[in-house]
Amino acid sequence: MHNNNQKNKLLTTVYLLPTVVILLVFMIIPIIYTFYLSFFDWNLIAPNKNFVGLENYITIFTDAVNRKVLMNTFFYIILLLILNFIVPYFIAIIVQFFIGKMKGPYKVIFFIPSIFSLVVGAMLFSWIMNPVSGPLADVMKMIGLSIPNWTNSGGMAIVIVCLITNWKVFGYNFVLLLTGLGAIPKNLIDAAKIDRIPKWRVIWNIVLPLNKSIALYVLILTIVQGLQYVFTPISVITQGGPYYGSSNILYHTYLNAFVLYKTGNASALAILTFMVFLVLLYIEMRFVEGKSKKYA
């Protein structure tokens, strides 16, 4: 029996070893090295690194460009939560409790854009929204209107980038939220109908609290994946312009590291982003996975 236990432990270690090595080489060591670089001023090429302590972290909050990028990131998060969480949640509630039928086609129709590349979506939106020769511009000209040159406006560029991301992410979040709503015990809804409780009260007092775990999961997913997904349309269309007006913290990290060669500043931005994502991961594990285990 003792030999079998030792054999099982050895097999478990052997099976897990490749995963541990991959995590160590491609995640843990790069994170530690990035943290180390965040205390230096280095251009990725010079043989020597100048130790600057916390200067790179202080610069994130004191430099005008970095502050602008942080404000853009906050703006991105607000828009992404509206477009990729609140709107699909609202539509999922309507489909589940007010339409009721044909849920399958709704899932397919909304999910189809999720299978396409974001590069394709960015190019498609860029063509449609072209203020000079795009199809939308031609239609607007027929009624005597015109499309503003949104690439010259940071705020409008952020909105367009978020719409491209919404085109990609909306269907996935919609399916998750609709599935969560469908898992709510039907007997509770039927009991509320028998008691003639208004539908809006049923949704507010029963449906939303019971669906809180999946909603929190989708909310966190929207923030994390949304900020990652906007990198592609920013890179394809705006390159963070005009004057960093459409950049966000992830794109600015890439720009500093591999275009401007400000490795220390880029590393500090990367660590700050990592810490934010780590907090979101903790919240997800604490309130979603923890609650799931509790009821398992």
C-alpha atoms as a PDB file:
ATOM      1  CA  MET A   1       0.000   0.000   0.000  1.00  0.00           C
ATOM      2  CA  HIS A   2       2.848   2.355   0.920  1.00  0.00           C
ATOM      3  CA  ASN A   3       4.628   1.567  -2.354  1.00  0.00           C
ATOM      4  CA  ASN A   4       1.444   2.302  -4.316  1.00  0.00           C
ATOM      5  CA  ASN A   5       1.110   5.695  -2.632  1.00  0.00           C
ATOM      6  CA  GLN A   6       4.723   6.546  -3.452  1.00  0.00           C
ATOM      7  CA  LYS A   7       4.196   5.394  -7.046  1.00  0.00           C
ATOM      8  CA  ASN A   8       1.060   7.552  -7.372  1.00  0.00           C
ATOM      9  CA  LYS A   9       2.879  10.588  -5.979  1.00  0.00           C
ATOM     10  CA  LEU A  10       5.767  10.013  -8.395  1.00  0.00           C
ATOM     11  CA  LEU A  11       3.384   9.684 -11.369  1.00  0.00           C
ATOM     12  CA  THR A  12       1.530  12.842 -10.305  1.00  0.00           C
ATOM     13  CA  THR A  13       4.821  14.733 -10.119  1.00  0.00           C
ATOM     14  CA  VAL A  14       5.900  13.453 -13.550  1.00  0.00           C
ATOM     15  CA  TYR A  15       2.546  14.421 -15.109  1.00  0.00           C
ATOM     16  CA  LEU A  16       2.631  17.896 -13.584  1.00  0.00           C
ATOM     17  CA  LEU A  17       6.306  18.565 -14.321  1.00  0.00           C
ATOM     18  CA  PRO A  18       5.833  19.733 -17.967  1.00  0.00           C
ATOM     19  CA  THR A  19       3.136  22.198 -16.886  1.00  0.00           C
ATOM     20  CA  VAL A  20       5.306  23.478 -14.029  1.00  0.00           C
ATOM     21  CA  VAL A  21       8.276  23.952 -16.393  1.00  0.00           C
ATOM     22  CA  ILE A  22       6.119  25.829 -18.946  1.00  0.00           C
ATOM     23  CA  LEU A  23       4.651  28.085 -16.243  1.00  0.00           C
ATOM     24  CA  LEU A  24       8.108  28.697 -14.789  1.00  0.00           C
ATOM     25  CA  VAL A  25       9.781  29.516 -18.109  1.00  0.00           C
ATOM     26  CA  PHE A  26       6.998  31.490 -19.795  1.00  0.00           C
ATOM     27  CA  MET A  27       5.201  33.127 -16.840  1.00  0.00           C
ATOM     28  CA  ILE A  28       6.885  33.155 -13.441  1.00  0.00           C
ATOM     29  CA  ILE A  29      10.456  33.980 -14.549  1.00  0.00           C
ATOM     30  CA  PRO A  30       9.333  36.706 -17.024  1.00  0.00           C
ATOM     31  CA  ILE A  31       7.142  38.312 -14.315  1.00  0.00           C
ATOM     32  CA  ILE A  32      10.029  38.314 -11.826  1.00  0.00           C
ATOM     33  CA  TYR A  33      12.422  39.702 -14.456  1.00  0.00           C
ATOM     34  CA  THR A  34       9.892  42.388 -15.467  1.00  0.00           C
ATOM     35  CA  PHE A  35       9.594  43.396 -11.809  1.00  0.00           C
ATOM     36  CA  TYR A  36      13.395  43.588 -11.636  1.00  0.00           C
ATOM     37  CA  LEU A  37      13.590  45.761 -14.780  1.00  0.00           C
ATOM     38  CA  SER A  38      10.977  48.164 -13.422  1.00  0.00           C
ATOM     39  CA  PHE A  39      13.625  49.583 -11.057  1.00  0.00           C
ATOM     40  CA  PHE A  40      16.049  50.432 -13.875  1.00  0.00           C
ATOM     41  CA  ASP A  41      16.410  52.893 -16.712  1.00  0.00           C
ATOM     42  CA  TRP A  42      17.333  50.753 -19.729  1.00  0.00           C
ATOM     43  CA  ASN A  43      16.792  50.936 -23.482  1.00  0.00           C
ATOM     44  CA  LEU A  44      16.842  47.147 -24.104  1.00  0.00           C
ATOM     45  CA  ILE A  45      20.136  47.493 -26.011  1.00  0.00           C
ATOM     46  CA  ALA A  46      22.717  49.160 -23.755  1.00  0.00           C
ATOM     47  CA  PRO A  47      24.996  46.764 -21.835  1.00  0.00           C
ATOM     48  CA  ASN A  48      24.430  48.616 -18.547  1.00  0.00           C
ATOM     49  CA  LYS A  49      21.229  49.347 -16.648  1.00  0.00           C
ATOM     50  CA  ASN A  50      20.886  52.462 -14.479  1.00  0.00           C
ATOM     51  CA  PHE A  51      19.170  51.821 -11.148  1.00  0.00           C
ATOM     52  CA  VAL A  52      16.450  54.449 -10.555  1.00  0.00           C
ATOM     53  CA  GLY A  53      14.485  52.887  -7.685  1.00  0.00           C
ATOM     54  CA  LEU A  54      10.792  53.784  -7.703  1.00  0.00           C
ATOM     55  CA  GLU A  55      11.181  56.529 -10.306  1.00  0.00           C
ATOM     56  CA  ASN A  56       9.463  54.485 -13.049  1.00  0.00           C
ATOM     57  CA  TYR A  57       6.447  53.870 -10.784  1.00  0.00           C
ATOM     58  CA  ILE A  58       6.289  57.540  -9.759  1.00  0.00           C
ATOM     59  CA  THR A  59       6.457  58.562 -13.432  1.00  0.00           C
ATOM     60  CA  ILE A  60       3.318  56.532 -14.181  1.00  0.00           C
ATOM     61  CA  PHE A  61       1.266  58.927 -12.036  1.00  0.00           C
ATOM     62  CA  THR A  62       3.219  62.167 -12.583  1.00  0.00           C
ATOM     63  CA  ASP A  63       4.033  62.142 -16.305  1.00  0.00           C
ATOM     64  CA  ALA A  64       1.342  63.892 -18.413  1.00  0.00           C
ATOM     65  CA  VAL A  65       1.340  61.205 -21.131  1.00  0.00           C
ATOM     66  CA  ASN A  66       1.067  58.365 -18.620  1.00  0.00           C
ATOM     67  CA  ARG A  67      -1.782  60.144 -16.807  1.00  0.00           C
ATOM     68  CA  LYS A  68      -3.579  60.586 -20.127  1.00  0.00           C
ATOM     69  CA  VAL A  69      -3.157  56.888 -20.895  1.00  0.00           C
ATOM     70  CA  LEU A  70      -4.509  55.946 -17.444  1.00  0.00           C
ATOM     71  CA  MET A  71      -7.560  58.182 -17.986  1.00  0.00           C
ATOM     72  CA  ASN A  72      -8.064  56.596 -21.412  1.00  0.00           C
ATOM     73  CA  THR A  73      -7.888  53.158 -19.792  1.00  0.00           C
ATOM     74  CA  PHE A  74     -10.552  54.162 -17.260  1.00  0.00           C
ATOM     75  CA  PHE A  75     -12.712  55.457 -20.146  1.00  0.00           C
ATOM     76  CA  TYR A  76     -12.190  52.160 -21.988  1.00  0.00           C
ATOM     77  CA  ILE A  77     -13.287  50.166 -18.931  1.00  0.00           C
ATOM     78  CA  ILE A  78     -16.489  52.211 -18.506  1.00  0.00           C
ATOM     79  CA  LEU A  79     -17.429  51.868 -22.189  1.00  0.00           C
ATOM     80  CA  LEU A  80     -16.537  48.174 -22.283  1.00  0.00           C
ATOM     81  CA  LEU A  81     -18.696  47.489 -19.221  1.00  0.00           C
ATOM     82  CA  ILE A  82     -21.640  49.280 -20.844  1.00  0.00           C
ATOM     83  CA  LEU A  83     -21.264  47.641 -24.266  1.00  0.00           C
ATOM     84  CA  ASN A  84     -20.017  44.179 -23.277  1.00  0.00           C
ATOM     85  CA  PHE A  85     -21.734  43.629 -19.917  1.00  0.00           C
ATOM     86  CA  ILE A  86     -24.778  45.829 -19.271  1.00  0.00           C
ATOM     87  CA  VAL A  87     -26.206  45.704 -22.817  1.00  0.00           C
ATOM     88  CA  PRO A  88     -25.820  41.900 -23.316  1.00  0.00           C
ATOM     89  CA  TYR A  89     -27.172  41.323 -19.789  1.00  0.00           C
ATOM     90  CA  PHE A  90     -30.232  43.444 -20.557  1.00  0.00           C
ATOM     91  CA  ILE A  91     -30.836  41.628 -23.867  1.00  0.00           C
ATOM     92  CA  ALA A  92     -30.285  38.224 -22.209  1.00  0.00           C
ATOM     93  CA  ILE A  93     -32.990  39.072 -19.622  1.00  0.00           C
ATOM     94  CA  ILE A  94     -35.401  40.114 -22.390  1.00  0.00           C
ATOM     95  CA  VAL A  95     -34.734  36.927 -24.383  1.00  0.00           C
ATOM     96  CA  GLN A  96     -35.035  34.671 -21.316  1.00  0.00           C
ATOM     97  CA  PHE A  97     -38.070  36.152 -19.585  1.00  0.00           C
ATOM     98  CA  PHE A  98     -39.977  38.215 -22.154  1.00  0.00           C
ATOM     99  CA  ILE A  99     -39.419  36.384 -25.442  1.00  0.00           C
ATOM    100  CA  GLY A 100     -38.811  32.883 -24.135  1.00  0.00           C
ATOM    101  CA  LYS A 101     -38.730  31.146 -27.527  1.00  0.00           C
ATOM    102  CA  MET A 102     -36.068  30.923 -30.244  1.00  0.00           C
ATOM    103  CA  LYS A 103     -33.175  31.194 -27.780  1.00  0.00           C
ATOM    104  CA  GLY A 104     -30.959  29.011 -29.990  1.00  0.00           C
ATOM    105  CA  PRO A 105     -31.059  31.344 -33.035  1.00  0.00           C
ATOM    106  CA  TYR A 106     -30.342  34.358 -30.816  1.00  0.00           C
ATOM    107  CA  LYS A 107     -27.264  32.599 -29.436  1.00  0.00           C
ATOM    108  CA  VAL A 108     -26.019  31.700 -32.926  1.00  0.00           C
ATOM    109  CA  ILE A 109     -26.660  35.162 -34.422  1.00  0.00           C
ATOM    110  CA  PHE A 110     -24.936  37.014 -31.579  1.00  0.00           C
ATOM    111  CA  PHE A 111     -22.088  34.500 -31.290  1.00  0.00           C
ATOM    112  CA  ILE A 112     -21.071  34.428 -34.987  1.00  0.00           C
ATOM    113  CA  PRO A 113     -18.776  37.536 -34.805  1.00  0.00           C
ATOM    114  CA  SER A 114     -16.820  35.855 -31.981  1.00  0.00           C
ATOM    115  CA  ILE A 115     -15.331  33.350 -34.427  1.00  0.00           C
ATOM    116  CA  PHE A 116     -13.783  36.062 -36.628  1.00  0.00           C
ATOM    117  CA  SER A 117     -10.377  37.641 -36.094  1.00  0.00           C
ATOM    118  CA  LEU A 118     -10.226  41.043 -34.444  1.00  0.00           C
ATOM    119  CA  VAL A 119      -7.910  42.161 -37.255  1.00  0.00           C
ATOM    120  CA  VAL A 120     -10.722  41.431 -39.724  1.00  0.00           C
ATOM    121  CA  GLY A 121     -13.174  43.328 -37.518  1.00  0.00           C
ATOM    122  CA  ALA A 122     -10.829  46.300 -37.206  1.00  0.00           C
ATOM    123  CA  MET A 123     -10.290  46.502 -40.966  1.00  0.00           C
ATOM    124  CA  LEU A 124     -14.015  46.080 -41.636  1.00  0.00           C
ATOM    125  CA  PHE A 125     -15.026  48.838 -39.214  1.00  0.00           C
ATOM    126  CA  SER A 126     -12.239  51.077 -40.512  1.00  0.00           C
ATOM    127  CA  TRP A 127     -13.608  50.705 -44.047  1.00  0.00           C
ATOM    128  CA  ILE A 128     -17.260  51.180 -43.055  1.00  0.00           C
ATOM    129  CA  MET A 129     -16.500  54.192 -40.852  1.00  0.00           C
ATOM    130  CA  ASN A 130     -14.100  55.856 -43.290  1.00  0.00           C
ATOM    131  CA  PRO A 131     -15.250  59.520 -43.225  1.00  0.00           C
ATOM    132  CA  VAL A 132     -14.284  60.089 -46.894  1.00  0.00           C
ATOM    133  CA  SER A 133     -14.990  56.944 -48.903  1.00  0.00           C
ATOM    134  CA  GLY A 134     -16.723  54.519 -46.548  1.00  0.00           C
ATOM    135  CA  PRO A 135     -20.239  53.118 -47.175  1.00  0.00           C
ATOM    136  CA  LEU A 136     -21.624  54.929 -44.134  1.00  0.00           C
ATOM    137  CA  ALA A 137     -20.161  58.222 -45.389  1.00  0.00           C
ATOM    138  CA  ASP A 138     -21.860  57.693 -48.782  1.00  0.00           C
ATOM    139  CA  VAL A 139     -25.218  57.084 -47.101  1.00  0.00           C
ATOM    140  CA  MET A 140     -24.804  60.143 -44.894  1.00  0.00           C
ATOM    141  CA  LYS A 141     -23.964  62.300 -47.934  1.00  0.00           C
ATOM    142  CA  MET A 142     -27.298  61.361 -49.510  1.00  0.00           C
ATOM    143  CA  ILE A 143     -29.126  62.989 -46.595  1.00  0.00           C
ATOM    144  CA  GLY A 144     -26.788  65.974 -46.413  1.00  0.00           C
ATOM    145  CA  LEU A 145     -24.734  64.857 -43.420  1.00  0.00           C
ATOM    146  CA  SER A 146     -21.129  63.805 -42.954  1.00  0.00           C
ATOM    147  CA  ILE A 147     -19.077  61.615 -40.628  1.00  0.00           C
ATOM    148  CA  PRO A 148     -16.553  63.463 -38.470  1.00  0.00           C
ATOM    149  CA  ASN A 149     -12.931  62.416 -38.882  1.00  0.00           C
ATOM    150  CA  TRP A 150     -12.933  60.239 -35.773  1.00  0.00           C
ATOM    151  CA  THR A 151      -9.273  59.231 -36.155  1.00  0.00           C
ATOM    152  CA  ASN A 152      -8.355  62.843 -35.263  1.00  0.00           C
ATOM    153  CA  SER A 153     -10.368  62.747 -32.038  1.00  0.00           C
ATOM    154  CA  GLY A 154      -9.121  60.621 -29.144  1.00  0.00           C
ATOM    155  CA  GLY A 155     -12.568  60.303 -27.547  1.00  0.00           C
ATOM    156  CA  MET A 156     -14.299  59.238 -30.773  1.00  0.00           C
ATOM    157  CA  ALA A 157     -11.442  56.853 -31.608  1.00  0.00           C
ATOM    158  CA  ILE A 158     -11.891  55.181 -28.199  1.00  0.00           C
ATOM    159  CA  VAL A 159     -15.623  54.756 -28.896  1.00  0.00           C
ATOM    160  CA  ILE A 160     -14.959  53.167 -32.309  1.00  0.00           C
ATOM    161  CA  VAL A 161     -12.294  50.849 -30.851  1.00  0.00           C
ATOM    162  CA  CYS A 162     -14.744  49.782 -28.122  1.00  0.00           C
ATOM    163  CA  LEU A 163     -17.437  49.132 -30.754  1.00  0.00           C
ATOM    164  CA  ILE A 164     -15.006  46.856 -32.624  1.00  0.00           C
ATOM    165  CA  THR A 165     -14.269  44.993 -29.394  1.00  0.00           C
ATOM    166  CA  ASN A 166     -17.998  44.843 -28.659  1.00  0.00           C
ATOM    167  CA  TRP A 167     -18.579  43.238 -32.073  1.00  0.00           C
ATOM    168  CA  LYS A 168     -16.143  40.489 -31.080  1.00  0.00           C
ATOM    169  CA  VAL A 169     -17.025  39.960 -27.385  1.00  0.00           C
ATOM    170  CA  PHE A 170     -20.774  40.670 -27.193  1.00  0.00           C
ATOM    171  CA  GLY A 171     -21.957  37.230 -28.338  1.00  0.00           C
ATOM    172  CA  TYR A 172     -19.719  35.291 -25.965  1.00  0.00           C
ATOM    173  CA  ASN A 173     -20.838  37.326 -22.949  1.00  0.00           C
ATOM    174  CA  PHE A 174     -24.471  37.117 -24.074  1.00  0.00           C
ATOM    175  CA  VAL A 175     -24.332  33.307 -24.236  1.00  0.00           C
ATOM    176  CA  LEU A 176     -22.723  33.086 -20.784  1.00  0.00           C
ATOM    177  CA  LEU A 177     -25.295  35.398 -19.197  1.00  0.00           C
ATOM    178  CA  LEU A 178     -28.235  33.719 -20.942  1.00  0.00           C
ATOM    179  CA  THR A 179     -26.997  30.306 -19.797  1.00  0.00           C
ATOM    180  CA  GLY A 180     -26.750  31.600 -16.230  1.00  0.00           C
ATOM    181  CA  LEU A 181     -30.289  32.990 -16.367  1.00  0.00           C
ATOM    182  CA  GLY A 182     -31.545  29.690 -17.757  1.00  0.00           C
ATOM    183  CA  ALA A 183     -30.042  27.826 -14.778  1.00  0.00           C
ATOM    184  CA  ILE A 184     -32.262  29.667 -12.266  1.00  0.00           C
ATOM    185  CA  PRO A 185     -34.814  27.195 -10.788  1.00  0.00           C
ATOM    186  CA  LYS A 186     -38.043  27.495 -12.783  1.00  0.00           C
ATOM    187  CA  ASN A 187     -40.186  26.691  -9.746  1.00  0.00           C
ATOM    188  CA  LEU A 188     -39.199  30.016  -8.155  1.00  0.00           C
ATOM    189  CA  ILE A 189     -40.319  31.918 -11.241  1.00  0.00           C
ATOM    190  CA  ASP A 190     -43.551  29.909 -11.425  1.00  0.00           C
ATOM    191  CA  ALA A 191     -44.274  30.541  -7.737  1.00  0.00           C
ATOM    192  CA  ALA A 192     -43.810  34.276  -8.280  1.00  0.00           C
ATOM    193  CA  LYS A 193     -46.235  34.143 -11.231  1.00  0.00           C
ATOM    194  CA  ILE A 194     -48.851  32.376  -9.100  1.00  0.00           C
ATOM    195  CA  ASP A 195     -48.488  35.112  -6.464  1.00  0.00           C
ATOM    196  CA  ARG A 196     -48.895  37.692  -9.270  1.00  0.00           C
ATOM    197  CA  ILE A 197     -45.648  39.416  -8.435  1.00  0.00           C
ATOM    198  CA  PRO A 198     -44.731  41.940 -11.171  1.00  0.00           C
ATOM    199  CA  LYS A 199     -42.099  40.687 -13.578  1.00  0.00           C
ATOM    200  CA  TRP A 200     -39.695  43.540 -12.860  1.00  0.00           C
ATOM    201  CA  ARG A 201     -39.758  42.643  -9.154  1.00  0.00           C
ATOM    202  CA  VAL A 202     -39.134  38.976  -9.944  1.00  0.00           C
ATOM    203  CA  ILE A 203     -36.094  39.969 -12.017  1.00  0.00           C
ATOM    204  CA  TRP A 204     -34.797  42.469  -9.452  1.00  0.00           C
ATOM    205  CA  ASN A 205     -35.424  40.442  -6.266  1.00  0.00           C
ATOM    206  CA  ILE A 206     -34.991  36.850  -7.488  1.00  0.00           C
ATOM    207  CA  VAL A 207     -33.233  36.594 -10.854  1.00  0.00           C
ATOM    208  CA  LEU A 208     -30.403  39.094 -10.401  1.00  0.00           C
ATOM    209  CA  PRO A 209     -29.357  37.918  -6.895  1.00  0.00           C
ATOM    210  CA  LEU A 210     -29.389  34.259  -7.969  1.00  0.00           C
ATOM    211  CA  ASN A 211     -27.374  35.058 -11.096  1.00  0.00           C
ATOM    212  CA  LYS A 212     -24.854  37.211  -9.206  1.00  0.00           C
ATOM    213  CA  SER A 213     -21.945  34.750  -9.485  1.00  0.00           C
ATOM    214  CA  ILE A 214     -22.041  34.364 -13.269  1.00  0.00           C
ATOM    215  CA  ALA A 215     -22.667  38.109 -13.656  1.00  0.00           C
ATOM    216  CA  LEU A 216     -19.586  38.923 -11.545  1.00  0.00           C
ATOM    217  CA  TYR A 217     -17.547  36.435 -13.573  1.00  0.00           C
ATOM    218  CA  VAL A 218     -18.627  38.049 -16.870  1.00  0.00           C
ATOM    219  CA  LEU A 219     -17.994  41.539 -15.436  1.00  0.00           C
ATOM    220  CA  ILE A 220     -14.403  40.651 -14.502  1.00  0.00           C
ATOM    221  CA  LEU A 221     -13.928  38.845 -17.818  1.00  0.00           C
ATOM    222  CA  THR A 222     -15.155  41.967 -19.626  1.00  0.00           C
ATOM    223  CA  ILE A 223     -12.528  44.138 -17.942  1.00  0.00           C
ATOM    224  CA  VAL A 224      -9.609  41.733 -18.377  1.00  0.00           C
ATOM    225  CA  GLN A 225     -10.308  40.447 -21.884  1.00  0.00           C
ATOM    226  CA  GLY A 226     -11.737  43.770 -23.046  1.00  0.00           C
ATOM    227  CA  LEU A 227      -8.497  45.631 -22.297  1.00  0.00           C
ATOM    228  CA  GLN A 228      -6.546  42.861 -24.027  1.00  0.00           C
ATOM    229  CA  TYR A 229      -8.801  42.823 -27.087  1.00  0.00           C
ATOM    230  CA  VAL A 230      -8.670  46.590 -27.680  1.00  0.00           C
ATOM    231  CA  PHE A 231      -4.932  46.232 -28.273  1.00  0.00           C
ATOM    232  CA  THR A 232      -5.552  44.835 -31.778  1.00  0.00           C
ATOM    233  CA  PRO A 233      -7.824  47.596 -33.175  1.00  0.00           C
ATOM    234  CA  ILE A 234      -5.579  50.241 -31.587  1.00  0.00           C
ATOM    235  CA  SER A 235      -2.550  48.672 -33.269  1.00  0.00           C
ATOM    236  CA  VAL A 236      -4.304  48.257 -36.641  1.00  0.00           C
ATOM    237  CA  ILE A 237      -6.165  51.579 -36.840  1.00  0.00           C
ATOM    238  CA  THR A 238      -4.955  54.355 -34.531  1.00  0.00           C
ATOM    239  CA  GLN A 239      -1.542  53.273 -33.143  1.00  0.00           C
ATOM    240  CA  GLY A 240      -2.593  55.059 -29.952  1.00  0.00           C
ATOM    241  CA  GLY A 241      -3.134  58.437 -31.660  1.00  0.00           C
ATOM    242  CA  PRO A 242      -3.885  61.187 -31.991  1.00  0.00           C
ATOM    243  CA  TYR A 243      -1.295  62.257 -29.388  1.00  0.00           C
ATOM    244  CA  TYR A 244      -1.933  59.158 -27.221  1.00  0.00           C
ATOM    245  CA  GLY A 245      -5.657  60.009 -27.301  1.00  0.00           C
ATOM    246  CA  SER A 246      -6.767  56.425 -28.019  1.00  0.00           C
ATOM    247  CA  SER A 247      -3.955  54.530 -26.273  1.00  0.00           C
ATOM    248  CA  ASN A 248      -4.534  52.403 -23.184  1.00  0.00           C
ATOM    249  CA  ILE A 249      -2.229  50.951 -20.553  1.00  0.00           C
ATOM    250  CA  LEU A 250      -1.574  47.690 -22.444  1.00  0.00           C
ATOM    251  CA  TYR A 251      -0.792  49.350 -25.775  1.00  0.00           C
ATOM    252  CA  HIS A 252       1.298  52.012 -24.030  1.00  0.00           C
ATOM    253  CA  THR A 253       3.315  49.257 -22.333  1.00  0.00           C
ATOM    254  CA  TYR A 254       4.025  47.680 -25.734  1.00  0.00           C
ATOM    255  CA  LEU A 255       4.849  51.096 -27.237  1.00  0.00           C
ATOM    256  CA  ASN A 256       7.325  51.958 -24.470  1.00  0.00           C
ATOM    257  CA  ALA A 257       8.974  48.544 -24.548  1.00  0.00           C
ATOM    258  CA  PHE A 258       9.373  47.780 -28.258  1.00  0.00           C
ATOM    259  CA  VAL A 259       9.023  51.133 -30.066  1.00  0.00           C
ATOM    260  CA  LEU A 260      10.390  53.787 -27.711  1.00  0.00           C
ATOM    261  CA  TYR A 261      12.703  51.347 -25.867  1.00  0.00           C
ATOM    262  CA  LYS A 262      11.772  52.717 -22.445  1.00  0.00           C
ATOM    263  CA  THR A 263      12.063  49.295 -20.881  1.00  0.00           C
ATOM    264  CA  GLY A 264      11.947  50.423 -17.241  1.00  0.00           C
ATOM    265  CA  ASN A 265       8.798  52.481 -17.699  1.00  0.00           C
ATOM    266  CA  ALA A 266       7.178  49.686 -19.713  1.00  0.00           C
ATOM    267  CA  SER A 267       8.046  47.163 -17.001  1.00  0.00           C
ATOM    268  CA  ALA A 268       6.497  49.376 -14.304  1.00  0.00           C
ATOM    269  CA  LEU A 269       3.309  49.702 -16.394  1.00  0.00           C
ATOM    270  CA  ALA A 270       3.270  45.932 -16.909  1.00  0.00           C
ATOM    271  CA  ILE A 271       3.629  45.266 -13.167  1.00  0.00           C
ATOM    272  CA  LEU A 272       0.860  47.782 -12.378  1.00  0.00           C
ATOM    273  CA  THR A 273      -1.417  46.041 -14.902  1.00  0.00           C
ATOM    274  CA  PHE A 274      -0.467  42.649 -13.476  1.00  0.00           C
ATOM    275  CA  MET A 275      -1.379  43.784  -9.955  1.00  0.00           C
ATOM    276  CA  VAL A 276      -4.792  45.050 -11.132  1.00  0.00           C
ATOM    277  CA  PHE A 277      -5.466  41.748 -12.915  1.00  0.00           C
ATOM    278  CA  LEU A 278      -4.283  39.864  -9.816  1.00  0.00           C
ATOM    279  CA  VAL A 279      -6.844  41.724  -7.676  1.00  0.00           C
ATOM    280  CA  LEU A 280      -9.577  40.915 -10.218  1.00  0.00           C
ATOM    281  CA  LEU A 281      -8.493  37.257 -10.183  1.00  0.00           C
ATOM    282  CA  TYR A 282      -8.705  37.200  -6.380  1.00  0.00           C
ATOM    283  CA  ILE A 283     -12.217  38.679  -6.487  1.00  0.00           C
ATOM    284  CA  GLU A 284     -13.250  36.077  -9.070  1.00  0.00           C
ATOM    285  CA  MET A 285     -11.833  33.207  -6.978  1.00  0.00           C
ATOM    286  CA  ARG A 286     -13.246  34.594  -3.737  1.00  0.00           C
ATOM    287  CA  PHE A 287     -16.788  35.369  -4.824  1.00  0.00           C
ATOM    288  CA  VAL A 288     -17.371  33.099  -7.847  1.00  0.00           C
ATOM    289  CA  GLU A 289     -15.324  29.919  -7.522  1.00  0.00           C
ATOM    290  CA  GLY A 290     -15.517  29.992  -3.713  1.00  0.00           C
ATOM    291  CA  LYS A 291     -19.286  30.244  -3.804  1.00  0.00           C
ATOM    292  CA  SER A 292     -19.491  27.496  -6.423  1.00  0.00           C
ATOM    293  CA  LYS A 293     -17.509  25.135  -4.156  1.00  0.00           C
ATOM    294  CA  LYS A 294     -19.744  26.073  -1.232  1.00  0.00           C
ATOM    295  CA  TYR A 295     -22.866  24.891  -3.056  1.00  0.00           C
ATOM    296  CA  ALA A 296     -21.193  21.877  -4.694  1.00  0.00           C
END
